[in-house]
Amino acid sequence: MKYPAKILVLIPCYNEEANIVAAVERLRTACPDVDYLVINDCSTDHSVELLKQYRYPYLDLPVNLGIGGGIQCGYVYARANGYDITVQMDGDGQHDPAYLDAIVEPVLRGELDMCIGSRFIKKEGFQTSFMRRVGIHFLSGMILLLSGNHVRDVTSGFRATNARMTAYFAEHYASDYPEPEAILAASLAGFRVGETPVVMQERQGGVSSINAVKSVYYMVKVSLSLIIDRLSIKRIRRR
C-alpha cells in the first residue's frame, strides 16, 4: 500500500540473530513504501554483523539501554527526521507486517494518537502463555482503574503513533519494559490511545528475555511503576 504519509518502522534488536533478517525481509516485502530503522542495543551475538551484511539501516547504541531507552532513541530519530507516523515492531518475528495497515489507519484518519495491535480482541493466532495472559489482564485492569482507558493487550509492542505522540515519547518514555507505562502516560496526558485486532505469531527463534520468574518480577515492578506514575501526575496537577 502506498501511504499518504511519511512512515518509519522502529525495530528493536537485542541478540536477534535468529530472527532479525526474516523480520526485516517480511516488512520489506509486505510494506515496501515505508522506511525502517533497526535499533541494535549492544547485541552480543552476530546481529550487528547481519545488519551490516544485508545493509539494513540501523542505529548502533554505544551502551545497552534496554527496550525503552532504545525505542526512545528511535522516537528521537523519527521526530528529528519529520516522520508523520512512527511504528514499533519487534525484531523477534512475532509481529506480522501484513497488519501494519490495521494499526496505521486509525492514526492516519485522526481517530487515535496511538494505535496498539491487540491479540485479545478477536483472540486469533498466538495468545502467549496462560500465566502471561493473567499478568497482562491484571495490568490492563490497573490501567483502566488509573486512567479510565481500557486497553486489552497492554504489553503489545506493535503500535503506531502520530507526530505529536512521537514527539511526546521522544521526551517521556519509560526505560524498562515500557509498553504498559507508555499507555498510562499517554492516556493521562490527554492523548487518544486505542487498539485494533491483529494476529501475532510465536517467537520465531532465540529465547525471550522474560522467563517465568522474571514474569512475576515484571508484573510487580510494572504495577508499582503504574501507581507511582499516577500519583506523580496528581502531584503535578496540584501545583
C-alpha atoms as a PDB file:
ATOM      1  CA  MET A   1       0.000   0.000   0.000  1.00  0.00           C
ATOM      2  CA  LYS A   2       1.214   3.486  -0.882  1.00  0.00           C
ATOM      3  CA  TYR A   3       0.736   5.639   2.207  1.00  0.00           C
ATOM      4  CA  PRO A   4      -0.113   9.361   2.024  1.00  0.00           C
ATOM      5  CA  ALA A   5       2.315   9.945   4.883  1.00  0.00           C
ATOM      6  CA  LYS A   6       5.963   9.522   5.813  1.00  0.00           C
ATOM      7  CA  ILE A   7       6.189   6.360   7.931  1.00  0.00           C
ATOM      8  CA  LEU A   8       9.110   4.961   9.925  1.00  0.00           C
ATOM      9  CA  VAL A   9       9.130   1.464  11.451  1.00  0.00           C
ATOM     10  CA  LEU A  10      11.367   1.042  14.504  1.00  0.00           C
ATOM     11  CA  ILE A  11      12.685  -2.496  15.053  1.00  0.00           C
ATOM     12  CA  PRO A  12      14.436  -3.037  18.405  1.00  0.00           C
ATOM     13  CA  CYS A  13      17.149  -5.677  18.279  1.00  0.00           C
ATOM     14  CA  TYR A  14      18.987  -7.325  21.143  1.00  0.00           C
ATOM     15  CA  ASN A  15      20.581 -10.687  20.292  1.00  0.00           C
ATOM     16  CA  GLU A  16      18.119 -11.444  17.493  1.00  0.00           C
ATOM     17  CA  GLU A  17      20.497 -13.120  15.045  1.00  0.00           C
ATOM     18  CA  ALA A  18      17.978 -15.947  14.613  1.00  0.00           C
ATOM     19  CA  ASN A  19      15.139 -13.584  13.668  1.00  0.00           C
ATOM     20  CA  ILE A  20      16.216 -10.137  12.513  1.00  0.00           C
ATOM     21  CA  VAL A  21      16.816 -10.885   8.814  1.00  0.00           C
ATOM     22  CA  ALA A  22      13.483 -12.694   8.410  1.00  0.00           C
ATOM     23  CA  ALA A  23      11.661  -9.923  10.312  1.00  0.00           C
ATOM     24  CA  VAL A  24      13.125  -7.157   8.150  1.00  0.00           C
ATOM     25  CA  GLU A  25      12.599  -9.042   4.896  1.00  0.00           C
ATOM     26  CA  ARG A  26       8.939  -9.705   5.749  1.00  0.00           C
ATOM     27  CA  LEU A  27       8.495  -5.993   6.379  1.00  0.00           C
ATOM     28  CA  ARG A  28      10.221  -5.018   3.149  1.00  0.00           C
ATOM     29  CA  THR A  29       8.058  -7.450   1.179  1.00  0.00           C
ATOM     30  CA  ALA A  30       4.748  -6.513   2.815  1.00  0.00           C
ATOM     31  CA  CYS A  31       5.366  -2.747   3.088  1.00  0.00           C
ATOM     32  CA  PRO A  32       7.941  -1.646   0.503  1.00  0.00           C
ATOM     33  CA  ASP A  33       6.963   2.035   0.767  1.00  0.00           C
ATOM     34  CA  VAL A  34       7.770   2.542   4.451  1.00  0.00           C
ATOM     35  CA  ASP A  35      11.140   3.406   5.934  1.00  0.00           C
ATOM     36  CA  TYR A  36      12.583   1.314   8.746  1.00  0.00           C
ATOM     37  CA  LEU A  37      15.358   1.563  11.312  1.00  0.00           C
ATOM     38  CA  VAL A  38      16.786  -1.328  13.315  1.00  0.00           C
ATOM     39  CA  ILE A  39      17.959  -0.274  16.781  1.00  0.00           C
ATOM     40  CA  ASN A  40      20.834  -2.508  17.868  1.00  0.00           C
ATOM     41  CA  ASP A  41      21.010  -2.360  21.655  1.00  0.00           C
ATOM     42  CA  CYS A  42      24.575  -3.676  22.116  1.00  0.00           C
ATOM     43  CA  SER A  43      23.818  -7.193  20.897  1.00  0.00           C
ATOM     44  CA  THR A  44      26.481  -9.720  21.897  1.00  0.00           C
ATOM     45  CA  ASP A  45      25.639 -12.241  19.167  1.00  0.00           C
ATOM     46  CA  HIS A  46      26.026 -11.791  15.392  1.00  0.00           C
ATOM     47  CA  SER A  47      23.078  -9.390  14.955  1.00  0.00           C
ATOM     48  CA  VAL A  48      25.177  -6.356  14.036  1.00  0.00           C
ATOM     49  CA  GLU A  49      27.218  -8.377  11.515  1.00  0.00           C
ATOM     50  CA  LEU A  50      23.967  -9.389   9.819  1.00  0.00           C
ATOM     51  CA  LEU A  51      22.751  -5.777   9.762  1.00  0.00           C
ATOM     52  CA  LYS A  52      25.983  -4.771   8.049  1.00  0.00           C
ATOM     53  CA  GLN A  53      25.937  -7.742   5.667  1.00  0.00           C
ATOM     54  CA  TYR A  54      22.393  -7.002   4.477  1.00  0.00           C
ATOM     55  CA  ARG A  55      22.975  -3.234   4.558  1.00  0.00           C
ATOM     56  CA  TYR A  56      19.936  -2.560   6.697  1.00  0.00           C
ATOM     57  CA  PRO A  57      19.706   0.964   8.131  1.00  0.00           C
ATOM     58  CA  TYR A  58      20.427   0.660  11.832  1.00  0.00           C
ATOM     59  CA  LEU A  59      21.228   2.665  14.915  1.00  0.00           C
ATOM     60  CA  ASP A  60      24.115   1.162  16.919  1.00  0.00           C
ATOM     61  CA  LEU A  61      23.729   2.192  20.557  1.00  0.00           C
ATOM     62  CA  PRO A  62      27.042   2.727  22.419  1.00  0.00           C
ATOM     63  CA  VAL A  63      25.642   1.290  25.680  1.00  0.00           C
ATOM     64  CA  ASN A  64      22.812  -1.121  26.437  1.00  0.00           C
ATOM     65  CA  LEU A  65      19.716   0.987  27.180  1.00  0.00           C
ATOM     66  CA  GLY A  66      17.058  -1.712  27.312  1.00  0.00           C
ATOM     67  CA  ILE A  67      13.922  -1.789  25.181  1.00  0.00           C
ATOM     68  CA  GLY A  68      12.598   1.518  26.497  1.00  0.00           C
ATOM     69  CA  GLY A  69      15.786   3.505  26.026  1.00  0.00           C
ATOM     70  CA  GLY A  70      16.381   2.019  22.602  1.00  0.00           C
ATOM     71  CA  ILE A  71      12.871   2.775  21.372  1.00  0.00           C
ATOM     72  CA  GLN A  72      13.071   6.297  22.771  1.00  0.00           C
ATOM     73  CA  CYS A  73      16.198   6.834  20.663  1.00  0.00           C
ATOM     74  CA  GLY A  74      14.106   5.754  17.690  1.00  0.00           C
ATOM     75  CA  TYR A  75      11.397   8.271  18.567  1.00  0.00           C
ATOM     76  CA  VAL A  76      14.040  10.995  18.801  1.00  0.00           C
ATOM     77  CA  TYR A  77      15.260   9.999  15.324  1.00  0.00           C
ATOM     78  CA  ALA A  78      11.701   9.962  13.929  1.00  0.00           C
ATOM     79  CA  ARG A  79      10.967  13.419  15.337  1.00  0.00           C
ATOM     80  CA  ALA A  80      14.246  14.845  14.026  1.00  0.00           C
ATOM     81  CA  ASN A  81      13.549  13.499  10.541  1.00  0.00           C
ATOM     82  CA  GLY A  82       9.948  14.668  10.295  1.00  0.00           C
ATOM     83  CA  TYR A  83       8.064  11.372  10.138  1.00  0.00           C
ATOM     84  CA  ASP A  84       4.266  11.583  10.223  1.00  0.00           C
ATOM     85  CA  ILE A  85       3.761   8.088  11.665  1.00  0.00           C
ATOM     86  CA  THR A  86       6.157   6.021  13.773  1.00  0.00           C
ATOM     87  CA  VAL A  87       5.556   2.284  14.122  1.00  0.00           C
ATOM     88  CA  GLN A  88       7.161  -0.025  16.663  1.00  0.00           C
ATOM     89  CA  MET A  89       7.580  -3.653  15.559  1.00  0.00           C
ATOM     90  CA  ASP A  90       9.534  -6.324  17.442  1.00  0.00           C
ATOM     91  CA  GLY A  91      12.537  -7.970  15.834  1.00  0.00           C
ATOM     92  CA  ASP A  92      11.684 -11.498  17.017  1.00  0.00           C
ATOM     93  CA  GLY A  93       9.175 -12.305  14.269  1.00  0.00           C
ATOM     94  CA  GLN A  94       6.034 -12.157  16.423  1.00  0.00           C
ATOM     95  CA  HIS A  95       4.559  -9.116  14.697  1.00  0.00           C
ATOM     96  CA  ASP A  96       3.205  -9.662  11.201  1.00  0.00           C
ATOM     97  CA  PRO A  97       3.801  -6.602   8.959  1.00  0.00           C
ATOM     98  CA  ALA A  98       0.722  -7.621   6.979  1.00  0.00           C
ATOM     99  CA  TYR A  99      -1.201  -5.951   9.838  1.00  0.00           C
ATOM    100  CA  LEU A 100       0.744  -2.696   9.655  1.00  0.00           C
ATOM    101  CA  ASP A 101      -2.158  -1.138   7.736  1.00  0.00           C
ATOM    102  CA  ALA A 102      -4.517  -2.087  10.560  1.00  0.00           C
ATOM    103  CA  ILE A 103      -2.597  -0.171  13.223  1.00  0.00           C
ATOM    104  CA  VAL A 104      -1.626   2.762  10.989  1.00  0.00           C
ATOM    105  CA  GLU A 105      -5.066   3.526   9.522  1.00  0.00           C
ATOM    106  CA  PRO A 106      -6.774   4.776  12.742  1.00  0.00           C
ATOM    107  CA  VAL A 107      -3.824   7.129  13.259  1.00  0.00           C
ATOM    108  CA  LEU A 108      -3.850   8.335   9.660  1.00  0.00           C
ATOM    109  CA  ARG A 109      -7.588   9.019   9.909  1.00  0.00           C
ATOM    110  CA  GLY A 110      -7.029  11.118  13.023  1.00  0.00           C
ATOM    111  CA  GLU A 111      -9.070   8.815  15.253  1.00  0.00           C
ATOM    112  CA  LEU A 112      -6.184   7.879  17.558  1.00  0.00           C
ATOM    113  CA  ASP A 113      -2.825   9.317  18.554  1.00  0.00           C
ATOM    114  CA  MET A 114      -1.545   5.815  19.298  1.00  0.00           C
ATOM    115  CA  CYS A 115      -2.997   2.552  17.991  1.00  0.00           C
ATOM    116  CA  ILE A 116      -1.904  -0.762  19.503  1.00  0.00           C
ATOM    117  CA  GLY A 117      -2.103  -4.104  17.741  1.00  0.00           C
ATOM    118  CA  SER A 118      -4.047  -6.425  20.060  1.00  0.00           C
ATOM    119  CA  ARG A 119      -4.076 -10.238  20.226  1.00  0.00           C
ATOM    120  CA  PHE A 120      -7.024 -10.282  22.573  1.00  0.00           C
ATOM    121  CA  ILE A 121      -9.862  -8.659  20.619  1.00  0.00           C
ATOM    122  CA  LYS A 122     -10.543 -11.500  18.180  1.00  0.00           C
ATOM    123  CA  LYS A 123      -8.300 -13.972  20.052  1.00  0.00           C
ATOM    124  CA  GLU A 124      -6.757 -15.387  16.900  1.00  0.00           C
ATOM    125  CA  GLY A 125      -3.190 -16.588  16.469  1.00  0.00           C
ATOM    126  CA  PHE A 126      -0.605 -16.944  19.246  1.00  0.00           C
ATOM    127  CA  GLN A 127      -2.118 -15.876  22.588  1.00  0.00           C
ATOM    128  CA  THR A 128       1.044 -16.278  24.776  1.00  0.00           C
ATOM    129  CA  SER A 129       1.180 -18.480  27.885  1.00  0.00           C
ATOM    130  CA  PHE A 130      -1.623 -18.707  30.441  1.00  0.00           C
ATOM    131  CA  MET A 131       0.407 -17.046  33.217  1.00  0.00           C
ATOM    132  CA  ARG A 132       1.428 -14.165  30.967  1.00  0.00           C
ATOM    133  CA  ARG A 133      -2.187 -13.663  29.928  1.00  0.00           C
ATOM    134  CA  VAL A 134      -3.147 -13.461  33.598  1.00  0.00           C
ATOM    135  CA  GLY A 135      -0.460 -10.819  34.151  1.00  0.00           C
ATOM    136  CA  ILE A 136      -1.483  -8.857  31.061  1.00  0.00           C
ATOM    137  CA  HIS A 137      -5.152  -8.846  32.094  1.00  0.00           C
ATOM    138  CA  PHE A 138      -4.159  -7.684  35.576  1.00  0.00           C
ATOM    139  CA  LEU A 139      -2.106  -4.794  34.161  1.00  0.00           C
ATOM    140  CA  SER A 140      -4.953  -3.943  31.785  1.00  0.00           C
ATOM    141  CA  GLY A 141      -7.289  -3.669  34.770  1.00  0.00           C
ATOM    142  CA  MET A 142      -4.801  -1.461  36.604  1.00  0.00           C
ATOM    143  CA  ILE A 143      -4.523   0.926  33.664  1.00  0.00           C
ATOM    144  CA  LEU A 144      -8.312   1.039  33.382  1.00  0.00           C
ATOM    145  CA  LEU A 145      -8.546   1.863  37.091  1.00  0.00           C
ATOM    146  CA  LEU A 146      -5.804   4.511  36.973  1.00  0.00           C
ATOM    147  CA  SER A 147      -6.732   6.223  33.696  1.00  0.00           C
ATOM    148  CA  GLY A 148     -10.229   5.110  32.673  1.00  0.00           C
ATOM    149  CA  ASN A 149      -8.796   3.756  29.396  1.00  0.00           C
ATOM    150  CA  HIS A 150      -9.496   0.100  28.601  1.00  0.00           C
ATOM    151  CA  VAL A 151      -6.669  -1.425  26.550  1.00  0.00           C
ATOM    152  CA  ARG A 152      -6.602  -5.218  26.483  1.00  0.00           C
ATOM    153  CA  ASP A 153      -3.140  -6.002  25.109  1.00  0.00           C
ATOM    154  CA  VAL A 154      -1.122  -3.588  27.234  1.00  0.00           C
ATOM    155  CA  THR A 155       2.238  -5.320  26.678  1.00  0.00           C
ATOM    156  CA  SER A 156       1.968  -5.391  22.888  1.00  0.00           C
ATOM    157  CA  GLY A 157       4.965  -3.719  21.277  1.00  0.00           C
ATOM    158  CA  PHE A 158       3.209  -3.498  17.896  1.00  0.00           C
ATOM    159  CA  ARG A 159       1.936   0.092  17.835  1.00  0.00           C
ATOM    160  CA  ALA A 160       1.731   3.216  15.696  1.00  0.00           C
ATOM    161  CA  THR A 161       1.935   6.852  16.824  1.00  0.00           C
ATOM    162  CA  ASN A 162       1.319  10.164  15.107  1.00  0.00           C
ATOM    163  CA  ALA A 163       3.829  13.030  15.094  1.00  0.00           C
ATOM    164  CA  ARG A 164       2.501  14.590  18.327  1.00  0.00           C
ATOM    165  CA  MET A 165       2.657  11.300  20.192  1.00  0.00           C
ATOM    166  CA  THR A 166       6.095  10.589  18.733  1.00  0.00           C
ATOM    167  CA  ALA A 167       7.367  13.962  19.947  1.00  0.00           C
ATOM    168  CA  TYR A 168       5.958  13.265  23.423  1.00  0.00           C
ATOM    169  CA  PHE A 169       7.659   9.861  23.590  1.00  0.00           C
ATOM    170  CA  ALA A 170      10.925  11.386  22.390  1.00  0.00           C
ATOM    171  CA  GLU A 171      10.903  13.315  25.681  1.00  0.00           C
ATOM    172  CA  HIS A 172       8.954  10.981  28.010  1.00  0.00           C
ATOM    173  CA  TYR A 173       9.386   7.211  27.796  1.00  0.00           C
ATOM    174  CA  ALA A 174       9.881   4.557  30.479  1.00  0.00           C
ATOM    175  CA  SER A 175      13.243   2.829  30.235  1.00  0.00           C
ATOM    176  CA  ASP A 176      12.416  -0.685  31.490  1.00  0.00           C
ATOM    177  CA  TYR A 177       9.612  -2.750  29.850  1.00  0.00           C
ATOM    178  CA  PRO A 178       7.798   0.450  28.884  1.00  0.00           C
ATOM    179  CA  GLU A 179       4.713  -0.678  26.975  1.00  0.00           C
ATOM    180  CA  PRO A 180       2.144  -0.509  29.825  1.00  0.00           C
ATOM    181  CA  GLU A 181       3.660   2.677  31.270  1.00  0.00           C
ATOM    182  CA  ALA A 182       3.566   4.351  27.858  1.00  0.00           C
ATOM    183  CA  ILE A 183      -0.172   3.630  27.603  1.00  0.00           C
ATOM    184  CA  LEU A 184      -0.850   5.108  31.037  1.00  0.00           C
ATOM    185  CA  ALA A 185       1.370   8.153  30.479  1.00  0.00           C
ATOM    186  CA  ALA A 186      -0.178   8.893  27.086  1.00  0.00           C
ATOM    187  CA  SER A 187      -3.728   8.463  28.434  1.00  0.00           C
ATOM    188  CA  LEU A 188      -3.104  10.722  31.426  1.00  0.00           C
ATOM    189  CA  ALA A 189      -1.506  13.327  29.143  1.00  0.00           C
ATOM    190  CA  GLY A 190      -4.728  13.526  27.125  1.00  0.00           C
ATOM    191  CA  PHE A 191      -3.699  11.543  24.060  1.00  0.00           C
ATOM    192  CA  ARG A 192      -6.181   9.206  22.396  1.00  0.00           C
ATOM    193  CA  VAL A 193      -4.962   5.622  22.850  1.00  0.00           C
ATOM    194  CA  GLY A 194      -6.784   2.609  21.461  1.00  0.00           C
ATOM    195  CA  GLU A 195      -6.220  -0.764  19.848  1.00  0.00           C
ATOM    196  CA  THR A 196      -7.148  -2.807  16.821  1.00  0.00           C
ATOM    197  CA  PRO A 197      -7.161  -6.590  16.291  1.00  0.00           C
ATOM    198  CA  VAL A 198      -4.075  -8.258  14.848  1.00  0.00           C
ATOM    199  CA  VAL A 199      -2.779 -11.818  14.643  1.00  0.00           C
ATOM    200  CA  MET A 200       0.611 -12.498  16.198  1.00  0.00           C
ATOM    201  CA  GLN A 201       2.936 -15.464  15.936  1.00  0.00           C
ATOM    202  CA  GLU A 202       5.108 -17.226  18.479  1.00  0.00           C
ATOM    203  CA  ARG A 203       8.726 -16.050  18.688  1.00  0.00           C
ATOM    204  CA  GLN A 204      10.435 -17.471  15.590  1.00  0.00           C
ATOM    205  CA  GLY A 205      13.794 -18.208  17.219  1.00  0.00           C
ATOM    206  CA  GLY A 206      16.057 -17.368  20.129  1.00  0.00           C
ATOM    207  CA  VAL A 207      14.960 -17.002  23.741  1.00  0.00           C
ATOM    208  CA  SER A 208      12.685 -14.411  25.322  1.00  0.00           C
ATOM    209  CA  SER A 209      14.296 -12.178  27.946  1.00  0.00           C
ATOM    210  CA  ILE A 210      11.309 -12.760  30.272  1.00  0.00           C
ATOM    211  CA  ASN A 211      11.125 -16.223  31.860  1.00  0.00           C
ATOM    212  CA  ALA A 212       8.633 -17.491  34.462  1.00  0.00           C
ATOM    213  CA  VAL A 213      10.475 -15.943  37.410  1.00  0.00           C
ATOM    214  CA  LYS A 214      11.031 -12.647  35.604  1.00  0.00           C
ATOM    215  CA  SER A 215       7.342 -12.567  34.668  1.00  0.00           C
ATOM    216  CA  VAL A 216       6.363 -12.301  38.338  1.00  0.00           C
ATOM    217  CA  TYR A 217       9.044  -9.686  38.981  1.00  0.00           C
ATOM    218  CA  TYR A 218       7.957  -7.802  35.881  1.00  0.00           C
ATOM    219  CA  MET A 219       4.297  -7.694  36.922  1.00  0.00           C
ATOM    220  CA  VAL A 220       5.134  -6.464  40.438  1.00  0.00           C
ATOM    221  CA  LYS A 221       7.586  -3.874  39.157  1.00  0.00           C
ATOM    222  CA  VAL A 222       5.277  -2.533  36.455  1.00  0.00           C
ATOM    223  CA  SER A 223       2.310  -2.439  38.843  1.00  0.00           C
ATOM    224  CA  LEU A 224       4.273  -0.278  41.281  1.00  0.00           C
ATOM    225  CA  SER A 225       5.528   1.929  38.447  1.00  0.00           C
ATOM    226  CA  LEU A 226       1.985   2.498  37.194  1.00  0.00           C
ATOM    227  CA  ILE A 227       0.816   3.551  40.655  1.00  0.00           C
ATOM    228  CA  ILE A 228       3.812   5.885  41.089  1.00  0.00           C
ATOM    229  CA  ASP A 229       3.193   7.380  37.639  1.00  0.00           C
ATOM    230  CA  ARG A 230      -0.437   8.063  38.535  1.00  0.00           C
ATOM    231  CA  LEU A 231       0.478   9.666  41.868  1.00  0.00           C
ATOM    232  CA  SER A 232       3.132  11.783  40.161  1.00  0.00           C
ATOM    233  CA  ILE A 233       0.555  13.158  37.733  1.00  0.00           C
ATOM    234  CA  LYS A 234      -1.712  14.099  40.656  1.00  0.00           C
ATOM    235  CA  ARG A 235       1.092  15.962  42.404  1.00  0.00           C
ATOM    236  CA  ILE A 236       1.953  17.860  39.237  1.00  0.00           C
ATOM    237  CA  ARG A 237      -1.689  18.917  38.733  1.00  0.00           C
ATOM    238  CA  ARG A 238      -1.976  20.203  42.323  1.00  0.00           C
ATOM    239  CA  ARG A 239       0.952  22.582  41.906  1.00  0.00           C
END
